[in-house]
Amino acid sequence: MMFFFKRLEPILEIGEQDLLEMLEIHQQLIRILERGIKE
């Protein structure tokens, strides 16, 4: 389990604002993909 947390450390160093932006982009991509699947 420690290995998993060691892998997460660089992500945590990015910063909360960057993570929120990445999450927003990720959600937009999911919406685009869902739209593509429906059509």
N, C-alpha and C. Protein backbone atom coordinates (compact mmCIF):
# COMPACT_ATOMS: atom_id res chain seq x y z
N MET A 1 0.83 -1.21 0.00
CA MET A 1 0.00 0.00 0.00
C MET A 1 0.87 1.27 0.00
N MET A 2 2.01 1.20 0.66
CA MET A 2 2.90 2.37 0.70
C MET A 2 3.35 2.76 -0.71
N PHE A 3 3.53 1.76 -1.56
CA PHE A 3 3.95 2.03 -2.93
C PHE A 3 2.95 2.96 -3.62
N PHE A 4 1.67 2.68 -3.38
CA PHE A 4 0.60 3.48 -3.97
C PHE A 4 0.71 4.94 -3.52
N PHE A 5 0.96 5.15 -2.22
CA PHE A 5 1.07 6.52 -1.71
C PHE A 5 2.31 7.22 -2.23
N LYS A 6 3.39 6.47 -2.42
CA LYS A 6 4.60 7.06 -2.98
C LYS A 6 4.34 7.55 -4.40
N ARG A 7 3.52 6.83 -5.13
CA ARG A 7 3.18 7.24 -6.49
C ARG A 7 2.31 8.50 -6.48
N LEU A 8 1.54 8.68 -5.42
CA LEU A 8 0.64 9.83 -5.33
C LEU A 8 1.36 11.12 -4.95
N GLU A 9 2.51 11.01 -4.30
CA GLU A 9 3.21 12.21 -3.81
C GLU A 9 3.42 13.28 -4.88
N PRO A 10 3.92 12.95 -6.07
CA PRO A 10 4.11 14.00 -7.09
C PRO A 10 2.79 14.68 -7.46
N ILE A 11 1.69 13.92 -7.44
CA ILE A 11 0.38 14.49 -7.76
C ILE A 11 0.00 15.51 -6.70
N LEU A 12 0.24 15.17 -5.43
CA LEU A 12 -0.12 16.08 -4.33
C LEU A 12 0.69 17.36 -4.38
N GLU A 13 1.89 17.30 -4.95
CA GLU A 13 2.74 18.49 -5.03
C GLU A 13 2.27 19.46 -6.11
N ILE A 14 1.43 19.02 -7.01
CA ILE A 14 0.94 19.87 -8.10
C ILE A 14 0.20 21.08 -7.52
N GLY A 15 -0.62 20.85 -6.50
CA GLY A 15 -1.38 21.94 -5.90
C GLY A 15 -2.87 21.78 -6.15
N GLU A 16 -3.65 22.29 -5.22
CA GLU A 16 -5.10 22.08 -5.25
C GLU A 16 -5.73 22.73 -6.47
N GLN A 17 -5.30 23.95 -6.82
CA GLN A 17 -5.91 24.66 -7.94
C GLN A 17 -5.70 23.91 -9.24
N ASP A 18 -4.47 23.41 -9.45
CA ASP A 18 -4.19 22.65 -10.66
C ASP A 18 -5.02 21.38 -10.70
N LEU A 19 -5.17 20.71 -9.54
CA LEU A 19 -5.97 19.49 -9.49
C LEU A 19 -7.43 19.78 -9.84
N LEU A 20 -7.95 20.90 -9.35
CA LEU A 20 -9.33 21.26 -9.65
C LEU A 20 -9.51 21.52 -11.14
N GLU A 21 -8.53 22.18 -11.76
CA GLU A 21 -8.59 22.44 -13.20
C GLU A 21 -8.54 21.14 -13.99
N MET A 22 -7.65 20.22 -13.56
CA MET A 22 -7.54 18.93 -14.23
C MET A 22 -8.85 18.15 -14.11
N LEU A 23 -9.48 18.22 -12.92
CA LEU A 23 -10.74 17.53 -12.70
C LEU A 23 -11.83 18.10 -13.61
N GLU A 24 -11.84 19.41 -13.75
CA GLU A 24 -12.84 20.07 -14.60
C GLU A 24 -12.67 19.64 -16.06
N ILE A 25 -11.42 19.62 -16.53
CA ILE A 25 -11.13 19.19 -17.90
C ILE A 25 -11.56 17.74 -18.08
N HIS A 26 -11.27 16.92 -17.08
CA HIS A 26 -11.62 15.50 -17.11
C HIS A 26 -13.13 15.32 -17.24
N GLN A 27 -13.90 16.10 -16.46
CA GLN A 27 -15.36 16.01 -16.52
C GLN A 27 -15.89 16.46 -17.88
N GLN A 28 -15.26 17.49 -18.47
CA GLN A 28 -15.67 17.95 -19.80
C GLN A 28 -15.42 16.86 -20.83
N LEU A 29 -14.27 16.18 -20.72
CA LEU A 29 -13.95 15.09 -21.65
C LEU A 29 -14.98 13.97 -21.54
N ILE A 30 -15.37 13.64 -20.30
CA ILE A 30 -16.37 12.59 -20.09
C ILE A 30 -17.68 12.98 -20.75
N ARG A 31 -18.08 14.25 -20.61
CA ARG A 31 -19.33 14.71 -21.23
C ARG A 31 -19.26 14.58 -22.75
N ILE A 32 -18.12 14.97 -23.33
CA ILE A 32 -17.95 14.87 -24.78
C ILE A 32 -18.04 13.42 -25.23
N LEU A 33 -17.37 12.53 -24.47
CA LEU A 33 -17.40 11.10 -24.81
C LEU A 33 -18.81 10.54 -24.70
N GLU A 34 -19.53 10.91 -23.64
CA GLU A 34 -20.90 10.41 -23.46
C GLU A 34 -21.79 10.87 -24.61
N ARG A 35 -21.60 12.11 -25.05
CA ARG A 35 -22.37 12.64 -26.17
C ARG A 35 -22.06 11.84 -27.43
N GLY A 36 -20.78 11.53 -27.62
CA GLY A 36 -20.35 10.77 -28.79
C GLY A 36 -20.94 9.37 -28.80
N ILE A 37 -21.05 8.75 -27.63
CA ILE A 37 -21.59 7.39 -27.54
C ILE A 37 -23.09 7.39 -27.85
N LYS A 38 -23.80 8.41 -27.39
CA LYS A 38 -25.25 8.47 -27.59
C LYS A 38 -25.61 8.66 -29.05
N GLU A 39 -24.79 9.42 -29.78
CA GLU A 39 -25.13 9.74 -31.17
C GLU A 39 -24.84 8.58 -32.10
